[in-house]
Protein backbone atom coordinates (compact mmCIF):
# COMPACT_ATOMS: atom_id res chain seq x y z
CA MET A 1 135.28 -62.76 70.17
CA LEU A 2 136.89 -60.48 67.49
CA SER A 3 140.57 -60.05 67.72
CA ILE A 4 143.27 -58.69 65.43
CA SER A 5 146.61 -60.54 65.28
CA ARG A 6 149.85 -59.60 63.75
CA ASN A 7 152.69 -62.10 63.12
CA GLY A 8 156.26 -61.66 61.85
CA HIS A 9 158.33 -58.74 60.58
CA LEU A 10 158.44 -57.25 57.17
CA TRP A 11 161.86 -58.69 56.24
CA LYS A 12 163.01 -60.03 52.97
CA GLY A 13 161.75 -63.69 52.74
CA GLU A 14 159.74 -63.61 55.96
CA LEU A 15 156.01 -63.87 56.17
CA TYR A 16 154.15 -60.94 57.64
CA LYS A 17 150.55 -61.51 58.51
CA ILE A 18 147.63 -59.34 59.70
CA SER A 19 144.58 -61.28 60.49
CA PHE A 20 140.99 -60.64 61.82
CA ASP A 21 139.92 -63.51 64.00
CA ILE A 22 136.85 -64.71 65.76
CA PHE A 23 137.24 -67.22 68.47
CA GLY A 24 140.65 -68.12 67.21
CA HIS A 25 139.65 -68.68 63.66
CA SER A 26 140.92 -66.38 60.84
CA ILE A 27 138.10 -64.55 58.96
CA LEU A 28 140.08 -62.24 56.88
CA ALA A 29 143.83 -62.14 56.52
CA ARG A 30 146.53 -60.24 54.58
CA GLU A 31 149.85 -61.99 54.11
CA GLN A 32 152.85 -60.32 52.62
CA VAL A 33 156.55 -61.02 52.07
CA ILE A 34 159.32 -58.96 50.56
CA VAL A 35 160.48 -60.80 47.47
CA GLY A 36 163.01 -58.40 46.23
CA TYR A 37 164.75 -55.09 46.60
CA LYS A 38 164.44 -52.75 43.63
CA GLY A 39 166.83 -49.98 44.69
CA GLY A 40 166.00 -46.34 45.56
CA GLY A 41 164.45 -47.42 48.70
CA ILE A 42 161.72 -49.39 46.85
CA VAL A 43 160.84 -53.10 47.68
CA GLU A 44 158.81 -55.55 45.82
CA VAL A 45 156.17 -57.16 48.07
CA PHE A 46 154.05 -60.32 47.27
CA VAL A 47 150.58 -59.93 48.93
CA LYS A 48 148.01 -62.63 49.36
CA TYR A 49 144.50 -61.99 50.70
CA LYS A 50 142.57 -64.81 52.38
CA VAL A 51 138.88 -65.16 53.58
CA PHE A 52 138.25 -68.07 55.93
CA GLY A 53 141.65 -69.38 55.05
CA LYS A 54 140.99 -69.56 51.35
CA THR A 55 143.20 -67.36 49.07
CA ILE A 56 141.04 -64.95 47.02
CA HIS A 57 143.63 -62.67 45.47
CA ASN A 58 147.38 -62.46 44.94
CA THR A 59 149.35 -59.33 43.81
CA ILE A 60 152.70 -57.86 43.62
CA HIS A 61 153.28 -54.19 45.07
CA LYS A 62 156.26 -51.89 44.69
CA ILE A 63 156.53 -49.92 47.95
CA ARG A 64 158.85 -46.96 48.58
CA PHE A 65 160.10 -47.31 52.06
CA ALA A 66 162.63 -44.64 52.70
CA THR A 67 164.51 -41.65 51.41
CA LEU A 68 167.30 -39.52 52.88
CA ASN A 69 166.54 -35.77 53.69
CA VAL A 70 168.57 -32.99 52.23
CA GLY A 71 166.37 -29.96 52.14
CA PHE A 72 163.46 -28.50 54.02
CA HIS A 73 164.38 -27.51 57.63
CA HIS A 74 167.77 -29.35 57.12
CA HIS A 75 169.45 -26.06 56.10
CA ILE A 76 172.84 -27.27 57.31
CA GLN A 77 172.88 -30.11 54.76
CA THR A 78 171.42 -27.74 52.03
CA LYS A 79 174.26 -25.33 52.58
CA LEU A 80 177.03 -28.08 52.70
CA ALA A 81 175.48 -29.48 49.47
CA LYS A 82 175.82 -26.02 47.78
CA ASP A 83 179.39 -25.45 49.04
CA ILE A 84 180.53 -28.86 47.79
CA ALA A 85 178.87 -28.53 44.39
CA THR A 86 180.25 -24.96 43.73
CA ASP A 87 183.75 -25.22 45.13
CA GLN A 88 186.25 -24.77 42.42
CA ASP A 89 189.00 -26.53 44.47
CA ILE A 90 186.87 -29.43 45.52
CA ASN A 91 189.12 -32.17 43.94
CA THR A 92 192.16 -31.07 46.02
CA LYS A 93 190.07 -30.99 49.12
CA ILE A 94 188.57 -34.38 48.54
CA LEU A 95 191.96 -36.00 47.82
CA ASN A 96 193.53 -34.46 50.98
CA LEU A 97 190.63 -35.61 53.13
CA CYS A 98 190.93 -39.24 51.77
CA LYS A 99 194.66 -39.46 52.60
CA GLY A 100 195.29 -42.11 55.25
CA LEU A 101 191.69 -43.17 55.48
CA ASP A 102 190.58 -46.94 55.27
CA GLU A 103 188.37 -48.19 52.49
CA LYS A 104 185.19 -47.91 54.49
CA SER A 105 185.71 -44.32 55.48
CA ILE A 106 186.47 -43.39 51.86
CA GLU A 107 183.30 -45.08 50.72
CA THR A 108 181.33 -43.18 53.33
CA LEU A 109 182.93 -39.86 52.38
CA THR A 110 182.48 -40.31 48.58
CA THR A 111 178.85 -41.41 49.01
CA ILE A 112 177.97 -38.31 51.06
CA ILE A 113 179.76 -35.90 48.71
CA SER A 114 178.16 -37.57 45.60
CA ARG A 115 174.68 -37.41 47.13
CA LEU A 116 174.99 -33.82 48.30
CA ARG A 117 176.27 -32.77 44.98
CA THR A 118 173.55 -34.50 43.12
CA ALA A 119 170.97 -32.96 45.47
CA HIS A 120 172.18 -29.44 44.72
CA ILE A 121 172.46 -29.74 40.97
CA LEU A 122 169.12 -31.36 40.60
CA HIS A 123 167.46 -29.19 43.28
CA LYS A 124 166.38 -32.31 45.10
CA GLU A 125 165.12 -32.23 48.68
CA PHE A 126 165.39 -35.98 49.16
CA ILE A 127 167.85 -38.70 47.96
CA GLU A 128 166.25 -41.90 46.86
CA THR A 129 169.31 -43.99 45.79
CA LEU A 130 169.49 -46.02 49.01
CA THR A 131 171.41 -49.32 49.12
CA GLU A 132 169.84 -52.54 50.20
CA GLU A 133 171.80 -52.43 53.40
CA GLU A 134 170.51 -48.93 54.12
CA TYR A 135 166.91 -49.90 53.52
CA LEU A 136 167.18 -52.95 55.85
CA GLU A 137 168.83 -50.89 58.56
CA LEU A 138 166.21 -47.98 58.31
CA TYR A 139 163.50 -50.73 58.57
CA ARG A 140 165.16 -52.13 61.64
CA ILE A 141 165.34 -48.66 63.14
CA THR A 142 161.63 -48.12 62.29
CA THR A 143 160.42 -51.40 63.76
CA SER A 144 162.86 -51.92 66.66
CA PHE A 145 164.04 -48.57 67.90
CA PHE A 146 161.15 -46.03 67.60
CA PRO A 147 158.37 -48.47 68.80
CA ASN A 148 160.37 -48.99 71.99
CA ILE A 149 160.56 -45.33 73.03
CA HIS A 150 157.72 -44.90 75.49
CA GLN A 151 156.03 -41.93 76.96
CA LEU A 152 155.27 -42.54 80.49
CA SER A 153 154.04 -38.99 81.52
CA PRO A 154 154.11 -35.53 80.05
CA THR A 155 157.74 -35.13 81.20
CA LEU A 156 159.03 -38.69 81.26
CA TYR A 157 160.22 -40.85 78.40
CA ALA A 158 161.92 -44.22 78.34
CA TYR A 159 163.97 -46.28 76.02
CA LYS A 160 165.13 -49.55 77.76
CA ASP A 161 166.67 -48.22 80.99
CA TYR A 162 167.41 -44.71 79.71
CA LEU A 163 164.99 -42.01 81.06
CA LEU A 164 164.69 -38.73 79.60
CA PRO A 165 162.43 -35.57 80.48
CA THR A 166 161.79 -35.07 76.71
CA ASN A 167 161.58 -37.29 73.64
CA HIS A 168 165.10 -36.81 72.60
CA PHE A 169 166.33 -40.31 71.72
CA GLU A 170 168.54 -39.82 68.69
CA ILE A 171 169.39 -42.66 66.41
CA SER A 172 173.13 -41.84 66.41
CA VAL A 173 173.37 -41.54 70.07
CA ILE A 174 171.03 -44.08 71.62
CA TRP A 175 170.64 -46.78 68.86
CA TYR A 176 174.30 -46.63 67.66
CA GLU A 177 175.79 -45.53 70.97
CA HIS A 178 177.79 -42.99 68.98
CA SER A 179 179.44 -45.99 67.05
CA LEU A 180 182.06 -46.12 69.78
CA LYS A 181 182.74 -49.74 69.10
CA GLU A 182 184.44 -48.51 65.95
CA PHE A 183 187.48 -47.60 68.02
CA GLU A 184 190.28 -50.21 68.40
CA SER A 185 189.94 -52.43 71.47
CA ASN A 186 193.08 -50.78 73.03
CA THR A 187 191.58 -47.38 72.57
CA LEU A 188 188.50 -48.51 74.38
CA ALA A 189 190.51 -49.98 77.20
CA LYS A 190 192.30 -46.61 77.68
CA ILE A 191 189.01 -44.69 77.65
CA LYS A 192 187.78 -46.95 80.42
CA ASN A 193 190.29 -45.79 82.96
CA LYS A 194 190.05 -42.06 82.18
CA ASN A 195 187.55 -39.13 82.19
CA ILE A 196 185.29 -38.29 79.21
CA ILE A 197 184.70 -34.79 78.01
CA ASP A 198 181.18 -34.31 76.45
CA VAL A 199 181.15 -31.02 74.46
CA GLY A 200 177.63 -30.15 73.52
CA ALA A 201 175.82 -32.19 76.08
CA CYS A 202 172.39 -31.07 75.03
CA VAL A 203 169.86 -32.93 77.29
CA GLY A 204 172.52 -35.46 78.57
CA ASP A 205 171.62 -38.27 76.30
CA SER A 206 175.25 -38.88 75.18
CA ALA A 207 176.51 -38.79 78.79
CA LEU A 208 174.08 -41.52 79.74
CA ILE A 209 175.65 -43.66 77.04
CA PHE A 210 179.14 -42.78 77.86
CA GLN A 211 178.76 -44.19 81.43
CA LYS A 212 179.32 -47.65 80.32
CA TYR A 213 182.56 -46.71 78.49
CA THR A 214 184.34 -45.27 81.57
CA ASP A 215 184.72 -45.95 85.17
CA LYS A 216 185.61 -42.36 85.74
CA ASN A 217 183.66 -39.17 85.29
CA ILE A 218 181.90 -37.62 82.34
CA TYR A 219 182.20 -33.84 82.17
CA SER A 220 179.15 -32.49 80.16
CA PHE A 221 179.42 -28.96 78.88
CA GLU A 222 176.08 -27.38 77.86
CA PRO A 223 175.86 -23.51 77.63
CA THR A 224 172.25 -22.85 76.94
CA ASN A 225 169.84 -22.21 79.70
CA GLU A 226 167.06 -24.38 78.27
CA ASN A 227 169.09 -27.50 77.55
CA TYR A 228 171.05 -27.14 80.75
CA GLU A 229 167.99 -27.31 82.84
CA VAL A 230 166.82 -30.52 80.93
CA LEU A 231 170.28 -31.95 81.47
CA LEU A 232 169.91 -31.61 85.19
CA GLN A 233 166.61 -33.31 85.00
CA THR A 234 168.08 -36.17 83.08
CA LEU A 235 170.84 -36.71 85.65
CA LYS A 236 168.20 -36.74 88.40
CA LEU A 237 165.94 -39.20 86.57
CA ASN A 238 168.75 -41.59 85.96
CA ASN A 239 170.14 -41.25 89.58
CA THR A 240 173.78 -40.69 88.11
CA THR A 241 176.56 -39.34 90.15
CA ARG A 242 179.51 -39.62 87.63
CA ILE A 243 178.16 -37.14 84.95
CA ILE A 244 179.29 -33.58 86.00
CA PRO A 245 177.24 -30.87 84.31
CA ILE A 246 179.04 -27.55 83.47
CA LYS A 247 177.10 -24.59 82.15
CA LYS A 248 179.70 -23.16 79.90
CA ALA A 249 180.77 -23.29 76.30
CA LEU A 250 184.22 -24.48 75.17
CA GLY A 251 186.11 -22.41 72.61
CA ALA A 252 189.48 -20.91 71.69
CA GLU A 253 189.74 -18.38 74.51
CA LEU A 254 188.05 -17.03 77.55
CA SER A 255 185.24 -14.80 76.40
CA GLN A 256 181.54 -14.12 76.33
CA ALA A 257 179.21 -14.62 73.23
CA GLN A 258 175.61 -14.74 72.18
CA ILE A 259 174.25 -18.20 71.34
CA SER A 260 171.28 -18.72 69.23
CA VAL A 261 168.98 -21.03 71.02
CA ASN A 262 167.19 -23.85 68.93
CA ASP A 263 167.01 -27.05 71.04
CA GLY A 264 169.77 -29.37 69.97
CA CYS A 265 170.83 -27.04 67.13
CA SER A 266 171.74 -24.09 69.38
CA SER A 267 174.80 -22.48 67.87
CA LEU A 268 177.49 -19.82 68.37
CA VAL A 269 177.99 -19.79 64.67
CA PHE A 270 174.62 -20.02 62.97
CA ASP A 271 171.69 -17.59 63.48
CA ASN A 272 168.74 -19.88 63.90
CA HIS A 273 166.39 -16.94 63.90
CA THR A 274 165.34 -17.84 67.51
CA THR A 275 165.97 -16.37 70.93
CA SER A 276 169.50 -15.86 72.10
CA HIS A 277 171.40 -15.21 75.23
CA ASN A 278 174.82 -14.56 76.56
CA VAL A 279 177.15 -17.60 77.43
CA GLU A 280 180.49 -17.90 79.09
CA ILE A 281 183.24 -19.50 76.95
CA ILE A 282 186.25 -21.23 78.48
CA THR A 283 189.01 -23.37 77.03
CA LEU A 284 189.28 -27.13 77.63
CA ASP A 285 193.01 -26.65 78.33
CA SER A 286 192.22 -24.33 81.30
CA PHE A 287 189.50 -26.64 82.57
CA VAL A 288 191.72 -29.71 82.39
CA PHE A 289 194.66 -27.85 84.01
CA GLU A 290 192.44 -26.40 86.80
CA HIS A 291 190.95 -29.84 87.65
CA ASN A 292 194.09 -31.91 86.94
CA LEU A 293 192.12 -34.32 84.72
CA GLU A 294 193.25 -37.37 82.86
CA VAL A 295 191.21 -37.33 79.51
CA GLY A 296 190.60 -40.48 77.64
CA PHE A 297 187.87 -39.47 75.25
CA ILE A 298 186.30 -36.22 73.86
CA LYS A 299 183.09 -35.96 71.86
CA VAL A 300 182.39 -32.65 70.25
CA ASP A 301 179.12 -31.62 68.51
CA VAL A 302 178.81 -27.87 68.81
CA GLU A 303 177.00 -26.78 65.55
CA GLY A 304 179.90 -25.45 63.66
CA PHE A 305 182.10 -24.35 66.63
CA GLU A 306 184.23 -27.39 66.46
CA GLN A 307 187.46 -25.71 65.16
CA GLU A 308 187.19 -23.00 67.82
CA PHE A 309 186.97 -25.71 70.45
CA LEU A 310 190.01 -27.52 69.03
CA LYS A 311 192.11 -24.37 69.21
CA GLY A 312 191.39 -24.19 72.94
CA ALA A 313 192.06 -27.89 73.53
CA LYS A 314 195.35 -28.23 71.55
CA GLN A 315 197.56 -28.68 74.65
CA THR A 316 195.36 -31.26 76.30
CA ILE A 317 195.08 -33.17 72.89
CA THR A 318 198.97 -32.83 72.47
CA GLU A 319 199.91 -34.02 75.91
CA GLN A 320 197.18 -36.68 76.45
CA LYS A 321 196.33 -37.78 72.96
CA PRO A 322 192.72 -38.76 73.80
CA ALA A 323 190.46 -40.58 71.38
CA MET A 324 188.02 -38.09 69.78
CA LEU A 325 184.73 -37.99 67.98
CA ILE A 326 184.26 -34.63 66.18
CA SER A 327 181.22 -33.58 64.14
CA ILE A 328 182.25 -32.46 60.71
CA TYR A 329 178.89 -32.00 58.91
CA HIS A 330 177.86 -28.48 59.98
CA GLN A 331 179.74 -26.66 57.44
CA ALA A 332 182.24 -27.34 54.49
CA SER A 333 185.13 -25.89 56.42
CA ASP A 334 184.72 -28.45 59.17
CA PHE A 335 184.10 -31.28 56.76
CA PHE A 336 187.40 -30.63 54.79
CA GLU A 337 189.69 -28.84 57.25
CA ILE A 338 189.33 -30.41 60.76
CA LYS A 339 191.16 -33.67 59.81
CA PRO A 340 194.09 -31.69 58.27
CA MET A 341 194.24 -29.36 61.29
CA ILE A 342 194.80 -32.33 63.58
CA GLU A 343 197.20 -33.99 61.24
CA SER A 344 199.26 -30.79 61.12
CA TRP A 345 199.95 -31.34 64.91
CA ASN A 346 201.90 -34.49 64.01
CA LEU A 347 200.53 -36.39 66.94
CA GLY A 348 200.25 -39.83 65.34
CA TYR A 349 196.50 -39.95 65.02
CA SER A 350 194.70 -42.31 62.80
CA PHE A 351 191.25 -41.32 61.41
CA LYS A 352 188.01 -42.76 60.36
CA ILE A 353 184.95 -41.02 58.80
CA ILE A 354 181.69 -42.63 60.04
CA LYS A 355 178.10 -41.75 59.27
CA PRO A 356 175.45 -43.91 61.01
CA THR A 357 172.43 -44.86 58.91
CA ASN A 358 169.58 -42.51 59.56
CA TYR A 359 167.03 -40.44 57.60
CA ASP A 360 169.57 -37.78 56.53
CA THR A 361 172.20 -37.52 53.86
CA ALA A 362 175.04 -36.05 55.98
CA MET A 363 173.74 -35.28 59.40
CA GLU A 364 175.76 -37.03 62.23
CA CYS A 365 178.81 -37.51 60.00
CA VAL A 366 181.73 -37.65 62.48
CA LEU A 367 185.53 -37.87 62.45
CA PHE A 368 186.95 -40.66 64.64
CA CYS A 369 190.50 -39.92 65.95
CA GLU A 370 192.70 -42.28 67.87
CA VAL A 371 196.43 -43.02 68.39
CA ILE A 372 196.94 -46.65 67.71
CA GLU A 373 200.01 -48.04 69.47
């Protein structure tokens, strides 16, 4: 009987073997092991070929495993790279942004800026200067995350016990759980006893994750017709009762606006050259007052509309001082101005800048805000 066996994982120092077997005996095998990391997403692999258990050939390969995207359809990163590289006042903005940040946040910030600037100047669509840590993490994601996303039917996908009606399992959301464990333990304890506001709910993936971080409700705001319908399906599939869907956008004032619809990139700011429809905009302050909510945590990912949201949430933030996770990668003004905006309110917030390892240079870069007592 012919069979194919595969053993091990392609990690540094670990043997990875692919073998063609007949009745349990290896006929032809390829064994390989990573012997060194060469930088730039390149690994050095020692490969041994065997026939009937006898080595017939050894060789060393250099394999490029991963790069980070900048260009192509990632127009947000391309625009951010251009704005950073051409800004005449960039030094002042960088120094202001670094004030009060910890060493890890500053390293994250400077890495992103340097890579984007290099990409723009050299007209590069990919960044190849990955660290060994990034390479290993991307390999972990490739071998432990993506293979465990399963399509069960045309409208049912699963990762562990999370179910979605579409294949929308994002690395930053599902794999890293929005990096929420980066908050201080006291902050997480406060979040546990209060409501969560999910601004830009998309298909409800974030809300599923948030359930384990609070005993109260998650209020998920998603204004687009398409994503809202998928959100409702997500809630039904997961039999959840604590996620409250609201088909409205959150901004600076009560108004109406046209939203450009493009799946998870639907925006009130950017024209995605897709269909659009009218949405209702309310403020978080009015919603919190109307429903008398205690808010422990706010997540905001609204494709460049973050500052408008903050203007309409200032009273809630000032009075309740919730922890916050705010996307800052959509445009240069968000990247450099959201932290100073919140600092100007003198509420005692501490900040971290976090970007999970993924296949992009700046995407999913977020500002963590918490009041540490």
